[in-house]
Amino acid sequence: MTDLTRDDFLGGRLRLYQPANGYRAGVDPVLLAAATPIKSGETLLELGCGVGAASLCAATRVAGIRATGIELQPDYADLARRNAAENDLPFDVITADLRALPADIRNTQFDHVIMNPPYYLRDASTPATDKGRDTALGGDTPLADWITIGAKRIAPRGYLTLIQRIDRLPETVAVVHSLLGSIVIQPIAPRQGRESGLFILSARKNGRAAFKLRPPLVMHDGVAHTADGESYTTVVKSILRDGAELRLF
């Protein structure tokens, strides 16, 4: 992978190499990291880490965490390792299929498991022309497997946090509800008055709190896009630029 860009995240505190034409991390992994209630000294496992955007955002936001990433595609795993090294952040990246995790990972529990599973059902969407992008957007591992495998790696009272398309909310909640508790849903809407297109879900192992549906996080000011330039709301800008927390609990 030689055709790369180097892009700023968290207001330039984090700079990541990404393929110019493959799957590229945007705001979603930044929101995912911000919604992960991790504290210094805790451990994090990311399934499908790509170039490392979510885990490295978490490590930039909260010093002293220990992050591990699982990535199926070797080129993306290599970029994640490079990004960790060049940002001087601790991040152990393992090239593996999440359905065949190495023994040391299967025997380890983590305080947090995070994921940004493919948004699209492969048999109900058009494949991307770039192989890496296609795998990231519509891989062949069912969403239920992502969640079930992730839930098994959570330590007692630990958290699962994921981001997904809103049309997959019913199946996501059904699987999570059978495995974890204290479920919180954060819808994400592009503008005030618009339907939510994404959601973040967080749940806790052995959690007993009541199900919570939060008000939508509105990404942009105004009811429509009227001009070029950035239009993020103040709350979203603080998350994307300043590394603010997106508190769900």
Protein backbone atom coordinates (compact mmCIF):
# COMPACT_ATOMS: atom_id res chain seq x y z
CA MET A 1 0.00 0.00 0.00
CA THR A 2 1.93 3.03 -1.29
CA ASP A 3 -0.72 5.61 -2.24
CA LEU A 4 -1.38 7.10 1.18
CA THR A 5 -2.60 10.29 2.79
CA ARG A 6 -1.77 11.46 6.31
CA ASP A 7 -4.80 12.96 7.99
CA ASP A 8 -5.33 14.92 11.19
CA PHE A 9 -7.67 13.68 13.93
CA LEU A 10 -8.54 15.31 17.25
CA GLY A 11 -7.44 18.72 16.05
CA GLY A 12 -4.06 17.43 14.87
CA ARG A 13 -3.13 15.69 18.13
CA LEU A 14 -3.28 12.43 16.16
CA ARG A 15 -2.10 11.97 12.57
CA LEU A 16 -2.94 8.78 10.69
CA TYR A 17 -1.77 7.27 7.43
CA GLN A 18 -4.65 5.96 5.35
CA PRO A 19 -5.02 4.50 1.85
CA ALA A 20 -5.95 7.22 -0.61
CA ASN A 21 -8.42 4.99 -2.42
CA GLY A 22 -9.36 2.23 0.05
CA TYR A 23 -11.43 2.32 3.21
CA ARG A 24 -10.84 5.62 5.00
CA ALA A 25 -11.70 6.42 8.60
CA GLY A 26 -13.87 9.48 9.11
CA VAL A 27 -15.81 10.76 12.10
CA ASP A 28 -17.33 7.40 13.07
CA PRO A 29 -14.28 5.95 14.87
CA VAL A 30 -13.74 9.29 16.64
CA LEU A 31 -17.29 9.17 17.98
CA LEU A 32 -16.82 5.52 18.93
CA ALA A 33 -13.68 6.32 20.92
CA ALA A 34 -15.35 9.29 22.60
CA ALA A 35 -18.27 7.10 23.72
CA THR A 36 -16.00 4.46 25.26
CA PRO A 37 -15.88 5.16 29.01
CA ILE A 38 -12.28 4.04 29.41
CA LYS A 39 -10.00 5.19 32.23
CA SER A 40 -6.25 5.26 32.60
CA GLY A 41 -4.85 1.82 33.40
CA GLU A 42 -7.70 -0.07 31.71
CA THR A 43 -7.47 -2.39 28.71
CA LEU A 44 -9.20 -2.15 25.36
CA LEU A 45 -9.71 -4.64 22.52
CA GLU A 46 -10.86 -3.42 19.11
CA LEU A 47 -12.26 -5.93 16.64
CA GLY A 48 -11.62 -4.86 13.04
CA CYS A 49 -9.32 -1.98 13.88
CA GLY A 50 -8.45 -0.94 10.31
CA VAL A 51 -5.68 1.65 10.41
CA GLY A 52 -6.23 2.05 14.15
CA ALA A 53 -8.34 5.21 14.19
CA ALA A 54 -10.70 4.35 17.06
CA SER A 55 -8.12 2.76 19.37
CA LEU A 56 -5.55 5.48 18.74
CA CYS A 57 -8.15 8.19 19.33
CA ALA A 58 -8.92 6.49 22.65
CA ALA A 59 -5.22 6.29 23.52
CA THR A 60 -4.77 9.95 22.61
CA ARG A 61 -7.75 11.02 24.71
CA VAL A 62 -6.88 8.93 27.78
CA ALA A 63 -3.23 8.37 28.66
CA GLY A 64 -2.16 5.08 30.19
CA ILE A 65 -4.60 2.70 28.52
CA ARG A 66 -3.45 -0.57 26.96
CA ALA A 67 -5.00 -1.18 23.54
CA THR A 68 -5.03 -4.26 21.31
CA GLY A 69 -6.43 -4.41 17.80
CA ILE A 70 -7.52 -7.31 15.62
CA GLU A 71 -7.43 -6.69 11.87
CA LEU A 72 -8.12 -9.20 9.10
CA GLN A 73 -6.39 -7.34 6.25
CA PRO A 74 -2.57 -7.32 6.51
CA ASP A 75 -2.10 -3.99 4.73
CA TYR A 76 -4.43 -2.22 7.13
CA ALA A 77 -2.85 -3.96 10.13
CA ASP A 78 0.57 -2.75 8.97
CA LEU A 79 -0.73 0.82 8.71
CA ALA A 80 -2.21 0.57 12.22
CA ARG A 81 1.20 -0.48 13.56
CA ARG A 82 2.87 2.36 11.67
CA ASN A 83 0.32 4.86 12.96
CA ALA A 84 0.85 3.71 16.54
CA ALA A 85 4.63 3.97 16.22
CA GLU A 86 4.63 7.39 14.56
CA ASN A 87 2.24 8.80 17.17
CA ASP A 88 4.21 7.13 19.99
CA LEU A 89 1.12 5.36 21.29
CA PRO A 90 0.93 1.83 22.76
CA PHE A 91 -1.15 -0.35 20.44
CA ASP A 92 -0.62 -4.07 19.85
CA VAL A 93 -2.05 -5.00 16.43
CA ILE A 94 -2.69 -8.65 15.56
CA THR A 95 -3.46 -9.78 12.01
CA ALA A 96 -6.22 -12.36 12.41
CA ASP A 97 -9.80 -13.27 11.58
CA LEU A 98 -11.96 -12.38 14.58
CA ARG A 99 -13.58 -15.81 14.21
CA ALA A 100 -10.17 -17.43 14.78
CA LEU A 101 -8.56 -15.32 17.48
CA PRO A 102 -5.11 -16.33 18.76
CA ALA A 103 -5.08 -18.34 21.98
CA ASP A 104 -3.61 -15.52 24.06
CA ILE A 105 -6.49 -13.24 23.08
CA ARG A 106 -9.08 -15.96 23.71
CA ASN A 107 -7.61 -16.37 27.18
CA THR A 108 -7.62 -12.65 28.01
CA GLN A 109 -10.43 -10.46 29.25
CA PHE A 110 -10.55 -6.74 28.55
CA ASP A 111 -12.17 -3.82 30.34
CA HIS A 112 -13.52 -2.55 27.03
CA VAL A 113 -14.30 -4.11 23.67
CA ILE A 114 -15.09 -1.74 20.81
CA MET A 115 -16.04 -2.31 17.19
CA ASN A 116 -17.25 -0.62 14.03
CA PRO A 117 -18.62 -3.67 12.16
CA PRO A 118 -19.40 -3.49 8.43
CA TYR A 119 -22.53 -1.44 7.90
CA TYR A 120 -23.94 -3.33 4.92
CA LEU A 121 -25.25 -6.85 4.38
CA ARG A 122 -23.13 -8.31 1.61
CA ASP A 123 -26.06 -10.06 -0.11
CA ALA A 124 -28.13 -6.86 -0.08
CA SER A 125 -25.57 -4.29 -1.26
CA THR A 126 -23.27 -3.53 -4.18
CA PRO A 127 -19.62 -4.51 -3.57
CA ALA A 128 -17.04 -1.72 -3.59
CA THR A 129 -14.43 -1.87 -6.34
CA ASP A 130 -11.56 -1.65 -3.83
CA LYS A 131 -11.15 -4.96 -1.95
CA GLY A 132 -10.11 -3.35 1.33
CA ARG A 133 -13.02 -0.94 1.27
CA ASP A 134 -15.45 -3.72 0.35
CA THR A 135 -14.33 -5.88 3.28
CA ALA A 136 -14.64 -2.96 5.69
CA LEU A 137 -18.11 -2.00 4.50
CA GLY A 138 -19.62 -5.44 3.94
CA GLY A 139 -17.47 -8.30 5.18
CA ASP A 140 -18.79 -11.85 5.36
CA THR A 141 -18.78 -12.15 9.17
CA PRO A 142 -22.37 -11.79 10.49
CA LEU A 143 -23.03 -8.92 12.87
CA ALA A 144 -24.18 -11.40 15.52
CA ASP A 145 -20.75 -13.06 15.41
CA TRP A 146 -18.98 -9.73 15.94
CA ILE A 147 -21.07 -9.02 19.01
CA THR A 148 -20.94 -12.54 20.45
CA ILE A 149 -17.17 -12.82 20.04
CA GLY A 150 -16.66 -9.36 21.51
CA ALA A 151 -18.92 -10.07 24.49
CA LYS A 152 -16.88 -13.15 25.38
CA ARG A 153 -13.75 -11.03 25.73
CA ILE A 154 -15.23 -8.54 28.20
CA ALA A 155 -14.14 -8.69 31.82
CA PRO A 156 -16.83 -8.66 34.54
CA ARG A 157 -18.47 -5.21 34.65
CA GLY A 158 -16.62 -4.31 31.46
CA TYR A 159 -18.16 -2.53 28.48
CA LEU A 160 -18.98 -3.26 24.85
CA THR A 161 -19.27 -0.17 22.65
CA LEU A 162 -20.08 -0.21 18.94
CA ILE A 163 -21.29 2.05 16.13
CA GLN A 164 -23.67 0.87 13.41
CA ARG A 165 -26.34 1.92 10.91
CA ILE A 166 -29.75 2.66 12.39
CA ASP A 167 -31.53 0.08 10.21
CA ARG A 168 -29.54 -2.62 12.00
CA LEU A 169 -30.59 -1.48 15.46
CA PRO A 170 -33.20 -4.25 16.00
CA GLU A 171 -30.80 -7.13 15.31
CA THR A 172 -28.03 -5.44 17.29
CA VAL A 173 -30.18 -4.96 20.38
CA ALA A 174 -31.56 -8.50 20.13
CA VAL A 175 -28.08 -10.02 20.23
CA VAL A 176 -26.68 -7.66 22.86
CA HIS A 177 -29.72 -8.11 25.13
CA SER A 178 -29.10 -11.87 25.23
CA LEU A 179 -25.50 -11.38 26.38
CA LEU A 180 -25.12 -8.10 28.28
CA GLY A 181 -27.08 -5.56 30.31
CA SER A 182 -27.33 -1.83 31.01
CA ILE A 183 -27.87 -1.09 27.31
CA VAL A 184 -27.65 2.55 26.19
CA ILE A 185 -28.47 3.69 22.65
CA GLN A 186 -27.17 7.00 21.29
CA PRO A 187 -28.83 7.86 17.95
CA ILE A 188 -26.83 10.09 15.61
CA ALA A 189 -28.71 12.47 13.31
CA PRO A 190 -27.16 14.56 10.52
CA ARG A 191 -29.25 17.66 11.36
CA GLN A 192 -32.02 18.84 13.65
CA GLY A 193 -35.32 17.33 12.55
CA ARG A 194 -33.68 14.69 10.36
CA GLU A 195 -33.91 10.95 10.97
CA SER A 196 -30.94 9.30 12.66
CA GLY A 197 -28.69 7.38 10.29
CA LEU A 198 -26.32 5.82 12.83
CA PHE A 199 -26.32 4.82 16.46
CA ILE A 200 -23.78 4.04 19.14
CA LEU A 201 -24.61 1.25 21.56
CA SER A 202 -22.89 0.65 24.86
CA ALA A 203 -23.65 -2.26 27.19
CA ARG A 204 -22.11 -3.74 30.29
CA LYS A 205 -21.28 -7.29 31.32
CA ASN A 206 -23.48 -8.21 34.30
CA GLY A 207 -25.11 -4.80 33.98
CA ARG A 208 -28.55 -4.38 35.57
CA ALA A 209 -29.49 -0.80 34.76
CA ALA A 210 -32.65 -0.12 32.77
CA PHE A 211 -32.49 0.25 28.99
CA LYS A 212 -31.78 3.87 28.02
CA LEU A 213 -32.49 5.67 24.74
CA ARG A 214 -30.70 9.01 24.63
CA PRO A 215 -31.75 12.06 22.58
CA PRO A 216 -30.11 12.16 19.14
CA LEU A 217 -26.64 13.60 18.82
CA VAL A 218 -27.05 16.20 16.06
CA MET A 219 -23.96 16.44 13.87
CA HIS A 220 -24.49 19.70 11.93
CA ASP A 221 -26.05 23.10 12.55
CA GLY A 222 -29.03 24.17 10.48
CA VAL A 223 -31.79 22.17 8.82
CA ALA A 224 -29.98 21.81 5.49
CA HIS A 225 -26.52 22.07 3.93
CA THR A 226 -26.39 25.57 2.46
CA ALA A 227 -22.70 26.40 2.02
CA ASP A 228 -19.27 24.87 1.76
CA GLY A 229 -17.24 24.57 4.93
CA GLU A 230 -17.54 22.93 8.31
CA SER A 231 -20.93 23.09 10.05
CA TYR A 232 -20.52 20.78 13.03
CA THR A 233 -22.49 21.62 16.15
CA THR A 234 -20.56 22.87 19.16
CA VAL A 235 -20.89 19.52 20.94
CA VAL A 236 -19.69 17.51 17.96
CA LYS A 237 -16.85 19.91 17.25
CA SER A 238 -15.62 19.50 20.83
CA ILE A 239 -15.57 15.72 20.33
CA LEU A 240 -13.88 15.74 16.93
CA ARG A 241 -11.40 18.55 17.51
CA ASP A 242 -10.82 18.71 21.27
CA GLY A 243 -11.18 15.04 22.23
CA ALA A 244 -14.20 15.64 24.46
CA GLU A 245 -16.05 12.66 25.91
CA LEU A 246 -19.41 11.53 24.55
CA ARG A 247 -20.90 10.47 27.87
CA LEU A 248 -23.57 7.77 27.56
CA PHE A 249 -23.92 6.58 31.17
